[in-house]
Amino acid sequence: MNVKLDENITAVAKSLFREFGHDCETVPDEDLTGTADPNLLDACRKEQRLLVTFDVGFGDVRAYPPAGHHGIIVLRLRDQQPQAVLDVLRRFLLATDIDELAGRLCVVTEDRVRIRE
């Protein structure tokens, strides 16, 4: 799966996604920092990338219908320190085939995963 990490996700997560066999880029690496949400999702569509973000606005299925993108993972974590984020993402990647998240919204917390089609 092609993945794009939003600017609010620790850049170290790029290595984690690659460790799991995914092609992963970051918003800062692609000079998209500060890009408006609709434009960022357009870039993800063009690159056929799943977006990983803390931005809960991407969880609005009226604004971003799941069928209109290659998948969005919204992290809703109490602890957003880099190591805590990596720990949650590692558990998530071990338990989830993210290739199956295309066209879906996935909300990940410390103890729960919700997927909406």
PDB file of N, CA and C in Angstrom:
ATOM      1  N   MET A   1       0.851  -1.176   0.000  1.00  0.00           N
ATOM      2  CA  MET A   1       0.000   0.000   0.000  1.00  0.00           C
ATOM      3  C   MET A   1       0.891   1.231   0.000  1.00  0.00           C
ATOM      4  N   ASN A   2       0.493   2.219  -0.760  1.00  0.00           N
ATOM      5  CA  ASN A   2       1.167   3.521  -0.745  1.00  0.00           C
ATOM      6  C   ASN A   2       0.560   4.353   0.372  1.00  0.00           C
ATOM      7  N   VAL A   3       1.413   4.946   1.195  1.00  0.00           N
ATOM      8  CA  VAL A   3       0.970   5.671   2.381  1.00  0.00           C
ATOM      9  C   VAL A   3       1.583   7.068   2.381  1.00  0.00           C
ATOM     10  N   LYS A   4       0.794   8.049   2.857  1.00  0.00           N
ATOM     11  CA  LYS A   4       1.322   9.395   3.086  1.00  0.00           C
ATOM     12  C   LYS A   4       1.043   9.752   4.538  1.00  0.00           C
ATOM     13  N   LEU A   5       2.091  10.151   5.253  1.00  0.00           N
ATOM     14  CA  LEU A   5       1.962  10.591   6.637  1.00  0.00           C
ATOM     15  C   LEU A   5       1.768  12.099   6.665  1.00  0.00           C
ATOM     16  N   ASP A   6       0.705  12.547   7.326  1.00  0.00           N
ATOM     17  CA  ASP A   6       0.447  13.972   7.459  1.00  0.00           C
ATOM     18  C   ASP A   6       1.566  14.612   8.284  1.00  0.00           C
ATOM     19  N   GLU A   7       1.637  15.914   8.225  1.00  0.00           N
ATOM     20  CA  GLU A   7       2.714  16.635   8.905  1.00  0.00           C
ATOM     21  C   GLU A   7       2.654  16.482  10.418  1.00  0.00           C
ATOM     22  N   ASN A   8       1.512  16.071  10.959  1.00  0.00           N
ATOM     23  CA  ASN A   8       1.382  15.939  12.408  1.00  0.00           C
ATOM     24  C   ASN A   8       1.751  14.541  12.918  1.00  0.00           C
ATOM     25  N   ILE A   9       2.203  13.682  12.042  1.00  0.00           N
ATOM     26  CA  ILE A   9       2.640  12.327  12.423  1.00  0.00           C
ATOM     27  C   ILE A   9       4.167  12.308  12.464  1.00  0.00           C
ATOM     28  N   THR A  10       4.713  11.726  13.508  1.00  0.00           N
ATOM     29  CA  THR A  10       6.173  11.670  13.633  1.00  0.00           C
ATOM     30  C   THR A  10       6.801  11.053  12.379  1.00  0.00           C
ATOM     31  N   ALA A  11       7.839  11.682  11.875  1.00  0.00           N
ATOM     32  CA  ALA A  11       8.509  11.217  10.657  1.00  0.00           C
ATOM     33  C   ALA A  11       9.135   9.837  10.838  1.00  0.00           C
ATOM     34  N   VAL A  12       9.396   9.451  12.079  1.00  0.00           N
ATOM     35  CA  VAL A  12       9.971   8.133  12.356  1.00  0.00           C
ATOM     36  C   VAL A  12       9.001   7.028  11.919  1.00  0.00           C
ATOM     37  N   ALA A  13       7.710   7.344  11.862  1.00  0.00           N
ATOM     38  CA  ALA A  13       6.719   6.352  11.444  1.00  0.00           C
ATOM     39  C   ALA A  13       6.926   5.924   9.997  1.00  0.00           C
ATOM     40  N   LYS A  14       7.605   6.745   9.225  1.00  0.00           N
ATOM     41  CA  LYS A  14       7.893   6.397   7.833  1.00  0.00           C
ATOM     42  C   LYS A  14       8.675   5.083   7.775  1.00  0.00           C
ATOM     43  N   SER A  15       9.663   4.945   8.626  1.00  0.00           N
ATOM     44  CA  SER A  15      10.462   3.711   8.673  1.00  0.00           C
ATOM     45  C   SER A  15       9.616   2.524   9.111  1.00  0.00           C
ATOM     46  N   LEU A  16       8.686   2.754  10.033  1.00  0.00           N
ATOM     47  CA  LEU A  16       7.822   1.678  10.503  1.00  0.00           C
ATOM     48  C   LEU A  16       6.949   1.148   9.370  1.00  0.00           C
ATOM     49  N   PHE A  17       6.319   2.043   8.614  1.00  0.00           N
ATOM     50  CA  PHE A  17       5.490   1.592   7.494  1.00  0.00           C
ATOM     51  C   PHE A  17       6.330   0.870   6.452  1.00  0.00           C
ATOM     52  N   ARG A  18       7.531   1.361   6.211  1.00  0.00           N
ATOM     53  CA  ARG A  18       8.408   0.693   5.246  1.00  0.00           C
ATOM     54  C   ARG A  18       8.837  -0.683   5.750  1.00  0.00           C
ATOM     55  N   GLU A  19       9.044  -0.792   7.051  1.00  0.00           N
ATOM     56  CA  GLU A  19       9.391  -2.084   7.656  1.00  0.00           C
ATOM     57  C   GLU A  19       8.295  -3.123   7.377  1.00  0.00           C
ATOM     58  N   PHE A  20       7.049  -2.656   7.297  1.00  0.00           N
ATOM     59  CA  PHE A  20       5.919  -3.539   7.011  1.00  0.00           C
ATOM     60  C   PHE A  20       5.655  -3.676   5.515  1.00  0.00           C
ATOM     61  N   GLY A  21       6.564  -3.164   4.687  1.00  0.00           N
ATOM     62  CA  GLY A  21       6.484  -3.367   3.252  1.00  0.00           C
ATOM     63  C   GLY A  21       5.680  -2.334   2.479  1.00  0.00           C
ATOM     64  N   HIS A  22       5.396  -1.192   3.091  1.00  0.00           N
ATOM     65  CA  HIS A  22       4.601  -0.168   2.431  1.00  0.00           C
ATOM     66  C   HIS A  22       5.483   0.961   1.903  1.00  0.00           C
ATOM     67  N   ASP A  23       5.093   1.507   0.765  1.00  0.00           N
ATOM     68  CA  ASP A  23       5.763   2.687   0.206  1.00  0.00           C
ATOM     69  C   ASP A  23       5.217   3.889   0.967  1.00  0.00           C
ATOM     70  N   CYS A  24       6.052   4.574   1.709  1.00  0.00           N
ATOM     71  CA  CYS A  24       5.594   5.630   2.601  1.00  0.00           C
ATOM     72  C   CYS A  24       6.336   6.935   2.342  1.00  0.00           C
ATOM     73  N   GLU A  25       5.577   8.000   2.194  1.00  0.00           N
ATOM     74  CA  GLU A  25       6.112   9.357   2.051  1.00  0.00           C
ATOM     75  C   GLU A  25       5.476  10.235   3.120  1.00  0.00           C
ATOM     76  N   THR A  26       6.069  11.397   3.358  1.00  0.00           N
ATOM     77  CA  THR A  26       5.510  12.321   4.340  1.00  0.00           C
ATOM     78  C   THR A  26       5.152  13.642   3.675  1.00  0.00           C
ATOM     79  N   VAL A  27       4.206  14.332   4.276  1.00  0.00           N
ATOM     80  CA  VAL A  27       3.801  15.645   3.779  1.00  0.00           C
ATOM     81  C   VAL A  27       5.002  16.595   3.740  1.00  0.00           C
ATOM     82  N   PRO A  28       5.822  16.687   4.809  1.00  0.00           N
ATOM     83  CA  PRO A  28       6.985  17.580   4.743  1.00  0.00           C
ATOM     84  C   PRO A  28       7.987  17.203   3.651  1.00  0.00           C
ATOM     85  N   ASP A  29       8.210  15.890   3.452  1.00  0.00           N
ATOM     86  CA  ASP A  29       9.153  15.453   2.415  1.00  0.00           C
ATOM     87  C   ASP A  29       8.723  15.911   1.031  1.00  0.00           C
ATOM     88  N   GLU A  30       7.419  16.072   0.842  1.00  0.00           N
ATOM     89  CA  GLU A  30       6.891  16.436  -0.470  1.00  0.00           C
ATOM     90  C   GLU A  30       6.524  17.925  -0.553  1.00  0.00           C
ATOM     91  N   ASP A  31       7.021  18.707   0.412  1.00  0.00           N
ATOM     92  CA  ASP A  31       6.769  20.157   0.451  1.00  0.00           C
ATOM     93  C   ASP A  31       5.284  20.499   0.426  1.00  0.00           C
ATOM     94  N   LEU A  32       4.482  19.704   1.140  1.00  0.00           N
ATOM     95  CA  LEU A  32       3.045  19.952   1.216  1.00  0.00           C
ATOM     96  C   LEU A  32       2.615  20.485   2.583  1.00  0.00           C
ATOM     97  N   THR A  33       3.585  20.827   3.432  1.00  0.00           N
ATOM     98  CA  THR A  33       3.269  21.341   4.759  1.00  0.00           C
ATOM     99  C   THR A  33       2.383  22.573   4.644  1.00  0.00           C
ATOM    100  N   GLY A  34       1.314  22.582   5.418  1.00  0.00           N
ATOM    101  CA  GLY A  34       0.399  23.715   5.408  1.00  0.00           C
ATOM    102  C   GLY A  34      -0.650  23.659   4.313  1.00  0.00           C
ATOM    103  N   THR A  35      -0.636  22.611   3.519  1.00  0.00           N
ATOM    104  CA  THR A  35      -1.609  22.460   2.438  1.00  0.00           C
ATOM    105  C   THR A  35      -3.003  22.282   3.026  1.00  0.00           C
ATOM    106  N   ALA A  36      -3.989  22.915   2.423  1.00  0.00           N
ATOM    107  CA  ALA A  36      -5.379  22.766   2.861  1.00  0.00           C
ATOM    108  C   ALA A  36      -5.795  21.301   2.750  1.00  0.00           C
ATOM    109  N   ASP A  37      -6.643  20.863   3.673  1.00  0.00           N
ATOM    110  CA  ASP A  37      -7.048  19.456   3.720  1.00  0.00           C
ATOM    111  C   ASP A  37      -7.564  18.923   2.385  1.00  0.00           C
ATOM    112  N   PRO A  38      -8.489  19.620   1.696  1.00  0.00           N
ATOM    113  CA  PRO A  38      -8.966  19.077   0.422  1.00  0.00           C
ATOM    114  C   PRO A  38      -7.844  18.905  -0.608  1.00  0.00           C
ATOM    115  N   ASN A  39      -6.885  19.827  -0.615  1.00  0.00           N
ATOM    116  CA  ASN A  39      -5.763  19.731  -1.550  1.00  0.00           C
ATOM    117  C   ASN A  39      -4.831  18.575  -1.186  1.00  0.00           C
ATOM    118  N   LEU A  40      -4.659  18.351   0.117  1.00  0.00           N
ATOM    119  CA  LEU A  40      -3.827  17.233   0.562  1.00  0.00           C
ATOM    120  C   LEU A  40      -4.466  15.907   0.149  1.00  0.00           C
ATOM    121  N   LEU A  41      -5.773  15.794   0.331  1.00  0.00           N
ATOM    122  CA  LEU A  41      -6.433  14.558  -0.066  1.00  0.00           C
ATOM    123  C   LEU A  41      -6.402  14.383  -1.585  1.00  0.00           C
ATOM    124  N   ASP A  42      -6.472  15.480  -2.329  1.00  0.00           N
ATOM    125  CA  ASP A  42      -6.326  15.390  -3.790  1.00  0.00           C
ATOM    126  C   ASP A  42      -4.955  14.826  -4.166  1.00  0.00           C
ATOM    127  N   ALA A  43      -3.911  15.296  -3.465  1.00  0.00           N
ATOM    128  CA  ALA A  43      -2.562  14.775  -3.723  1.00  0.00           C
ATOM    129  C   ALA A  43      -2.507  13.279  -3.418  1.00  0.00           C
ATOM    130  N   CYS A  44      -3.156  12.860  -2.338  1.00  0.00           N
ATOM    131  CA  CYS A  44      -3.196  11.428  -1.996  1.00  0.00           C
ATOM    132  C   CYS A  44      -3.925  10.633  -3.070  1.00  0.00           C
ATOM    133  N   ARG A  45      -5.017  11.188  -3.577  1.00  0.00           N
ATOM    134  CA  ARG A  45      -5.763  10.502  -4.645  1.00  0.00           C
ATOM    135  C   ARG A  45      -4.883  10.310  -5.876  1.00  0.00           C
ATOM    136  N   LYS A  46      -4.214  11.395  -6.288  1.00  0.00           N
ATOM    137  CA  LYS A  46      -3.370  11.340  -7.486  1.00  0.00           C
ATOM    138  C   LYS A  46      -2.256  10.318  -7.342  1.00  0.00           C
ATOM    139  N   GLU A  47      -1.706  10.208  -6.123  1.00  0.00           N
ATOM    140  CA  GLU A  47      -0.602   9.284  -5.862  1.00  0.00           C
ATOM    141  C   GLU A  47      -1.105   7.916  -5.402  1.00  0.00           C
ATOM    142  N   GLN A  48      -2.417   7.764  -5.301  1.00  0.00           N
ATOM    143  CA  GLN A  48      -3.036   6.534  -4.814  1.00  0.00           C
ATOM    144  C   GLN A  48      -2.462   6.123  -3.461  1.00  0.00           C
ATOM    145  N   ARG A  49      -2.478   7.100  -2.536  1.00  0.00           N
ATOM    146  CA  ARG A  49      -1.926   6.878  -1.198  1.00  0.00           C
ATOM    147  C   ARG A  49      -3.008   6.950  -0.130  1.00  0.00           C
ATOM    148  N   LEU A  50      -2.874   6.098   0.851  1.00  0.00           N
ATOM    149  CA  LEU A  50      -3.668   6.136   2.059  1.00  0.00           C
ATOM    150  C   LEU A  50      -3.077   7.221   2.947  1.00  0.00           C
ATOM    151  N   LEU A  51      -3.917   8.039   3.569  1.00  0.00           N
ATOM    152  CA  LEU A  51      -3.447   9.128   4.427  1.00  0.00           C
ATOM    153  C   LEU A  51      -3.528   8.712   5.888  1.00  0.00           C
ATOM    154  N   VAL A  52      -2.464   8.983   6.647  1.00  0.00           N
ATOM    155  CA  VAL A  52      -2.435   8.766   8.090  1.00  0.00           C
ATOM    156  C   VAL A  52      -2.301  10.139   8.745  1.00  0.00           C
ATOM    157  N   THR A  53      -3.232  10.467   9.661  1.00  0.00           N
ATOM    158  CA  THR A  53      -3.265  11.811  10.217  1.00  0.00           C
ATOM    159  C   THR A  53      -3.850  11.829  11.629  1.00  0.00           C
ATOM    160  N   PHE A  54      -3.588  12.901  12.346  1.00  0.00           N
ATOM    161  CA  PHE A  54      -4.256  13.190  13.615  1.00  0.00           C
ATOM    162  C   PHE A  54      -5.426  14.144  13.382  1.00  0.00           C
ATOM    163  N   ASP A  55      -5.554  14.687  12.200  1.00  0.00           N
ATOM    164  CA  ASP A  55      -6.556  15.700  11.878  1.00  0.00           C
ATOM    165  C   ASP A  55      -7.950  15.055  11.833  1.00  0.00           C
ATOM    166  N   VAL A  56      -8.749  15.292  12.873  1.00  0.00           N
ATOM    167  CA  VAL A  56     -10.068  14.670  12.963  1.00  0.00           C
ATOM    168  C   VAL A  56     -11.018  15.176  11.881  1.00  0.00           C
ATOM    169  N   GLY A  57     -10.707  16.290  11.251  1.00  0.00           N
ATOM    170  CA  GLY A  57     -11.526  16.783  10.152  1.00  0.00           C
ATOM    171  C   GLY A  57     -11.630  15.775   9.026  1.00  0.00           C
ATOM    172  N   PHE A  58     -10.588  14.976   8.830  1.00  0.00           N
ATOM    173  CA  PHE A  58     -10.618  13.949   7.787  1.00  0.00           C
ATOM    174  C   PHE A  58     -11.582  12.812   8.139  1.00  0.00           C
ATOM    175  N   GLY A  59     -12.061  12.789   9.372  1.00  0.00           N
ATOM    176  CA  GLY A  59     -13.028  11.785   9.779  1.00  0.00           C
ATOM    177  C   GLY A  59     -14.463  12.141   9.414  1.00  0.00           C
ATOM    178  N   ASP A  60     -14.672  13.306   8.818  1.00  0.00           N
ATOM    179  CA  ASP A  60     -16.006  13.742   8.397  1.00  0.00           C
ATOM    180  C   ASP A  60     -16.340  13.091   7.061  1.00  0.00           C
ATOM    181  N   VAL A  61     -17.176  12.052   7.103  1.00  0.00           N
ATOM    182  CA  VAL A  61     -17.477  11.313   5.881  1.00  0.00           C
ATOM    183  C   VAL A  61     -18.347  12.112   4.911  1.00  0.00           C
ATOM    184  N   ARG A  62     -18.966  13.187   5.387  1.00  0.00           N
ATOM    185  CA  ARG A  62     -19.720  14.046   4.463  1.00  0.00           C
ATOM    186  C   ARG A  62     -18.756  14.866   3.614  1.00  0.00           C
ATOM    187  N   ALA A  63     -17.695  15.330   4.221  1.00  0.00           N
ATOM    188  CA  ALA A  63     -16.699  16.116   3.483  1.00  0.00           C
ATOM    189  C   ALA A  63     -15.746  15.225   2.695  1.00  0.00           C
ATOM    190  N   TYR A  64     -15.433  14.050   3.245  1.00  0.00           N
ATOM    191  CA  TYR A  64     -14.474  13.131   2.619  1.00  0.00           C
ATOM    192  C   TYR A  64     -15.082  11.730   2.559  1.00  0.00           C
ATOM    193  N   PRO A  65     -16.040  11.528   1.643  1.00  0.00           N
ATOM    194  CA  PRO A  65     -16.690  10.205   1.548  1.00  0.00           C
ATOM    195  C   PRO A  65     -15.651   9.107   1.301  1.00  0.00           C
ATOM    196  N   PRO A  66     -15.728   8.029   2.066  1.00  0.00           N
ATOM    197  CA  PRO A  66     -14.731   6.965   1.937  1.00  0.00           C
ATOM    198  C   PRO A  66     -14.522   6.443   0.521  1.00  0.00           C
ATOM    199  N   ALA A  67     -15.561   6.358  -0.257  1.00  0.00           N
ATOM    200  CA  ALA A  67     -15.412   5.829  -1.619  1.00  0.00           C
ATOM    201  C   ALA A  67     -14.607   6.766  -2.518  1.00  0.00           C
ATOM    202  N   GLY A  68     -14.376   7.996  -2.072  1.00  0.00           N
ATOM    203  CA  GLY A  68     -13.690   8.982  -2.904  1.00  0.00           C
ATOM    204  C   GLY A  68     -12.199   9.099  -2.674  1.00  0.00           C
ATOM    205  N   HIS A  69     -11.600   8.172  -1.921  1.00  0.00           N
ATOM    206  CA  HIS A  69     -10.153   8.253  -1.669  1.00  0.00           C
ATOM    207  C   HIS A  69      -9.583   6.857  -1.471  1.00  0.00           C
ATOM    208  N   HIS A  70      -8.288   6.778  -1.273  1.00  0.00           N
ATOM    209  CA  HIS A  70      -7.598   5.491  -1.126  1.00  0.00           C
ATOM    210  C   HIS A  70      -7.441   5.073   0.325  1.00  0.00           C
ATOM    211  N   GLY A  71      -8.208   5.697   1.183  1.00  0.00           N
ATOM    212  CA  GLY A  71      -8.198   5.339   2.594  1.00  0.00           C
ATOM    213  C   GLY A  71      -7.624   6.444   3.460  1.00  0.00           C
ATOM    214  N   ILE A  72      -8.209   6.572   4.642  1.00  0.00           N
ATOM    215  CA  ILE A  72      -7.737   7.535   5.636  1.00  0.00           C
ATOM    216  C   ILE A  72      -7.692   6.823   6.977  1.00  0.00           C
ATOM    217  N   ILE A  73      -6.579   6.977   7.667  1.00  0.00           N
ATOM    218  CA  ILE A  73      -6.451   6.504   9.045  1.00  0.00           C
ATOM    219  C   ILE A  73      -6.342   7.749   9.917  1.00  0.00           C
ATOM    220  N   VAL A  74      -7.318   7.938  10.800  1.00  0.00           N
ATOM    221  CA  VAL A  74      -7.290   9.046  11.749  1.00  0.00           C
ATOM    222  C   VAL A  74      -6.887   8.476  13.100  1.00  0.00           C
ATOM    223  N   LEU A  75      -5.805   8.978  13.647  1.00  0.00           N
ATOM    224  CA  LEU A  75      -5.345   8.555  14.972  1.00  0.00           C
ATOM    225  C   LEU A  75      -5.981   9.455  16.030  1.00  0.00           C
ATOM    226  N   ARG A  76      -6.649   8.845  17.000  1.00  0.00           N
ATOM    227  CA  ARG A  76      -7.268   9.573  18.110  1.00  0.00           C
ATOM    228  C   ARG A  76      -6.597   9.073  19.387  1.00  0.00           C
ATOM    229  N   LEU A  77      -5.388   9.564  19.635  1.00  0.00           N
ATOM    230  CA  LEU A  77      -4.578   9.073  20.752  1.00  0.00           C
ATOM    231  C   LEU A  77      -4.473  10.117  21.848  1.00  0.00           C
ATOM    232  N   ARG A  78      -4.612   9.672  23.087  1.00  0.00           N
ATOM    233  CA  ARG A  78      -4.437  10.590  24.222  1.00  0.00           C
ATOM    234  C   ARG A  78      -2.973  11.026  24.309  1.00  0.00           C
ATOM    235  N   ASP A  79      -2.076  10.076  24.139  1.00  0.00           N
ATOM    236  CA  ASP A  79      -0.633  10.353  24.195  1.00  0.00           C
ATOM    237  C   ASP A  79      -0.102  10.411  22.769  1.00  0.00           C
ATOM    238  N   GLN A  80       0.294  11.602  22.340  1.00  0.00           N
ATOM    239  CA  GLN A  80       0.783  11.779  20.973  1.00  0.00           C
ATOM    240  C   GLN A  80       2.301  11.945  20.909  1.00  0.00           C
ATOM    241  N   GLN A  81       2.983  11.531  21.971  1.00  0.00           N
ATOM    242  CA  GLN A  81       4.436  11.540  21.945  1.00  0.00           C
ATOM    243  C   GLN A  81       4.901  10.509  20.917  1.00  0.00           C
ATOM    244  N   PRO A  82       6.010  10.786  20.222  1.00  0.00           N
ATOM    245  CA  PRO A  82       6.448   9.902  19.138  1.00  0.00           C
ATOM    246  C   PRO A  82       6.485   8.419  19.486  1.00  0.00           C
ATOM    247  N   GLN A  83       7.023   8.046  20.645  1.00  0.00           N
ATOM    248  CA  GLN A  83       7.115   6.617  20.973  1.00  0.00           C
ATOM    249  C   GLN A  83       5.745   6.002  21.175  1.00  0.00           C
ATOM    250  N   ALA A  84       4.833   6.729  21.795  1.00  0.00           N
ATOM    251  CA  ALA A  84       3.481   6.219  22.004  1.00  0.00           C
ATOM    252  C   ALA A  84       2.775   6.020  20.659  1.00  0.00           C
ATOM    253  N   VAL A  85       2.968   6.947  19.746  1.00  0.00           N
ATOM    254  CA  VAL A  85       2.374   6.842  18.406  1.00  0.00           C
ATOM    255  C   VAL A  85       2.938   5.626  17.692  1.00  0.00           C
ATOM    256  N   LEU A  86       4.242   5.449  17.743  1.00  0.00           N
ATOM    257  CA  LEU A  86       4.871   4.294  17.098  1.00  0.00           C
ATOM    258  C   LEU A  86       4.371   2.977  17.678  1.00  0.00           C
ATOM    259  N   ASP A  87       4.190   2.937  18.996  1.00  0.00           N
ATOM    260  CA  ASP A  87       3.701   1.717  19.638  1.00  0.00           C
ATOM    261  C   ASP A  87       2.297   1.367  19.141  1.00  0.00           C
ATOM    262  N   VAL A  88       1.422   2.360  19.075  1.00  0.00           N
ATOM    263  CA  VAL A  88       0.056   2.112  18.599  1.00  0.00           C
ATOM    264  C   VAL A  88       0.074   1.707  17.130  1.00  0.00           C
ATOM    265  N   LEU A  89       0.852   2.415  16.314  1.00  0.00           N
ATOM    266  CA  LEU A  89       0.918   2.080  14.891  1.00  0.00           C
ATOM    267  C   LEU A  89       1.473   0.674  14.663  1.00  0.00           C
ATOM    268  N   ARG A  90       2.475   0.291  15.431  1.00  0.00           N
ATOM    269  CA  ARG A  90       3.041  -1.057  15.288  1.00  0.00           C
ATOM    270  C   ARG A  90       1.975  -2.118  15.604  1.00  0.00           C
ATOM    271  N   ARG A  91       1.247  -1.948  16.708  1.00  0.00           N
ATOM    272  CA  ARG A  91       0.184  -2.902  17.049  1.00  0.00           C
ATOM    273  C   ARG A  91      -0.879  -2.930  15.952  1.00  0.00           C
ATOM    274  N   PHE A  92      -1.223  -1.755  15.439  1.00  0.00           N
ATOM    275  CA  PHE A  92      -2.223  -1.655  14.380  1.00  0.00           C
ATOM    276  C   PHE A  92      -1.757  -2.381  13.121  1.00  0.00           C
ATOM    277  N   LEU A  93      -0.518  -2.156  12.713  1.00  0.00           N
ATOM    278  CA  LEU A  93       0.008  -2.776  11.497  1.00  0.00           C
ATOM    279  C   LEU A  93       0.154  -4.291  11.644  1.00  0.00           C
ATOM    280  N   LEU A  94       0.441  -4.755  12.840  1.00  0.00           N
ATOM    281  CA  LEU A  94       0.520  -6.204  13.076  1.00  0.00           C
ATOM    282  C   LEU A  94      -0.861  -6.865  12.977  1.00  0.00           C
ATOM    283  N   ALA A  95      -1.904  -6.118  13.328  1.00  0.00           N
ATOM    284  CA  ALA A  95      -3.252  -6.690  13.388  1.00  0.00           C
ATOM    285  C   ALA A  95      -4.108  -6.396  12.159  1.00  0.00           C
ATOM    286  N   THR A  96      -3.652  -5.490  11.283  1.00  0.00           N
ATOM    287  CA  THR A  96      -4.509  -5.001  10.197  1.00  0.00           C
ATOM    288  C   THR A  96      -3.791  -5.076   8.862  1.00  0.00           C
ATOM    289  N   ASP A  97      -4.484  -5.552   7.859  1.00  0.00           N
ATOM    290  CA  ASP A  97      -3.968  -5.513   6.492  1.00  0.00           C
ATOM    291  C   ASP A  97      -4.416  -4.179   5.897  1.00  0.00           C
ATOM    292  N   ILE A  98      -3.534  -3.203   5.886  1.00  0.00           N
ATOM    293  CA  ILE A  98      -3.955  -1.867   5.440  1.00  0.00           C
ATOM    294  C   ILE A  98      -4.253  -1.824   3.945  1.00  0.00           C
ATOM    295  N   ASP A  99      -3.861  -2.836   3.211  1.00  0.00           N
ATOM    296  CA  ASP A  99      -4.238  -2.905   1.798  1.00  0.00           C
ATOM    297  C   ASP A  99      -5.760  -2.975   1.654  1.00  0.00           C
ATOM    298  N   GLU A 100      -6.437  -3.458   2.673  1.00  0.00           N
ATOM    299  CA  GLU A 100      -7.887  -3.571   2.641  1.00  0.00           C
ATOM    300  C   GLU A 100      -8.595  -2.284   3.067  1.00  0.00           C
ATOM    301  N   LEU A 101      -7.842  -1.221   3.360  1.00  0.00           N
ATOM    302  CA  LEU A 101      -8.448   0.031   3.826  1.00  0.00           C
ATOM    303  C   LEU A 101      -8.721   1.027   2.705  1.00  0.00           C
ATOM    304  N   ALA A 102      -8.399   0.673   1.471  1.00  0.00           N
ATOM    305  CA  ALA A 102      -8.682   1.574   0.350  1.00  0.00           C
ATOM    306  C   ALA A 102     -10.184   1.853   0.312  1.00  0.00           C
ATOM    307  N   GLY A 103     -10.541   3.131   0.215  1.00  0.00           N
ATOM    308  CA  GLY A 103     -11.943   3.516   0.180  1.00  0.00           C
ATOM    309  C   GLY A 103     -12.637   3.404   1.528  1.00  0.00           C
ATOM    310  N   ARG A 104     -11.858   3.415   2.601  1.00  0.00           N
ATOM    311  CA  ARG A 104     -12.431   3.292   3.948  1.00  0.00           C
ATOM    312  C   ARG A 104     -11.823   4.343   4.874  1.00  0.00           C
ATOM    313  N   LEU A 105     -12.590   4.680   5.884  1.00  0.00           N
ATOM    314  CA  LEU A 105     -12.118   5.530   6.970  1.00  0.00           C
ATOM    315  C   LEU A 105     -11.843   4.628   8.160  1.00  0.00           C
ATOM    316  N   CYS A 106     -10.671   4.767   8.738  1.00  0.00           N
ATOM    317  CA  CYS A 106     -10.271   3.961   9.888  1.00  0.00           C
ATOM    318  C   CYS A 106      -9.876   4.904  11.016  1.00  0.00           C
ATOM    319  N   VAL A 107     -10.535   4.760  12.154  1.00  0.00           N
ATOM    320  CA  VAL A 107     -10.209   5.563  13.332  1.00  0.00           C
ATOM    321  C   VAL A 107      -9.540   4.649  14.344  1.00  0.00           C
ATOM    322  N   VAL A 108      -8.329   5.025  14.742  1.00  0.00           N
ATOM    323  CA  VAL A 108      -7.518   4.186  15.622  1.00  0.00           C
ATOM    324  C   VAL A 108      -7.301   4.906  16.950  1.00  0.00           C
ATOM    325  N   THR A 109      -7.649   4.220  18.040  1.00  0.00           N
ATOM    326  CA  THR A 109      -7.344   4.704  19.375  1.00  0.00           C
ATOM    327  C   THR A 109      -6.369   3.717  20.007  1.00  0.00           C
ATOM    328  N   GLU A 110      -6.002   3.978  21.254  1.00  0.00           N
ATOM    329  CA  GLU A 110      -5.074   3.076  21.936  1.00  0.00           C
ATOM    330  C   GLU A 110      -5.622   1.661  22.060  1.00  0.00           C
ATOM    331  N   ASP A 111      -6.937   1.536  22.167  1.00  0.00           N
ATOM    332  CA  ASP A 111      -7.511   0.221  22.429  1.00  0.00           C
ATOM    333  C   ASP A 111      -8.620  -0.208  21.476  1.00  0.00           C
ATOM    334  N   ARG A 112      -8.788   0.531  20.369  1.00  0.00           N
ATOM    335  CA  ARG A 112      -9.891   0.203  19.481  1.00  0.00           C
ATOM    336  C   ARG A 112      -9.613   0.673  18.055  1.00  0.00           C
ATOM    337  N   VAL A 113     -10.146  -0.065  17.097  1.00  0.00           N
ATOM    338  CA  VAL A 113     -10.076   0.315  15.684  1.00  0.00           C
ATOM    339  C   VAL A 113     -11.491   0.268  15.139  1.00  0.00           C
ATOM    340  N   ARG A 114     -11.924   1.383  14.530  1.00  0.00           N
ATOM    341  CA  ARG A 114     -13.235   1.423  13.885  1.00  0.00           C
ATOM    342  C   ARG A 114     -13.017   1.687  12.404  1.00  0.00           C
ATOM    343  N   ILE A 115     -13.659   0.894  11.569  1.00  0.00           N
ATOM    344  CA  ILE A 115     -13.523   1.043  10.117  1.00  0.00           C
ATOM    345  C   ILE A 115     -14.896   1.338   9.554  1.00  0.00           C
ATOM    346  N   ARG A 116     -14.941   2.394   8.732  1.00  0.00           N
ATOM    347  CA  ARG A 116     -16.194   2.790   8.101  1.00  0.00           C
ATOM    348  C   ARG A 116     -16.026   2.761   6.595  1.00  0.00           C
ATOM    349  N   GLU A 117     -16.968   2.125   5.931  1.00  0.00           N
ATOM    350  CA  GLU A 117     -16.907   2.032   4.467  1.00  0.00           C
ATOM    351  C   GLU A 117     -17.690   3.157   3.839  1.00  0.00           C
TER     352      GLU A 117
END
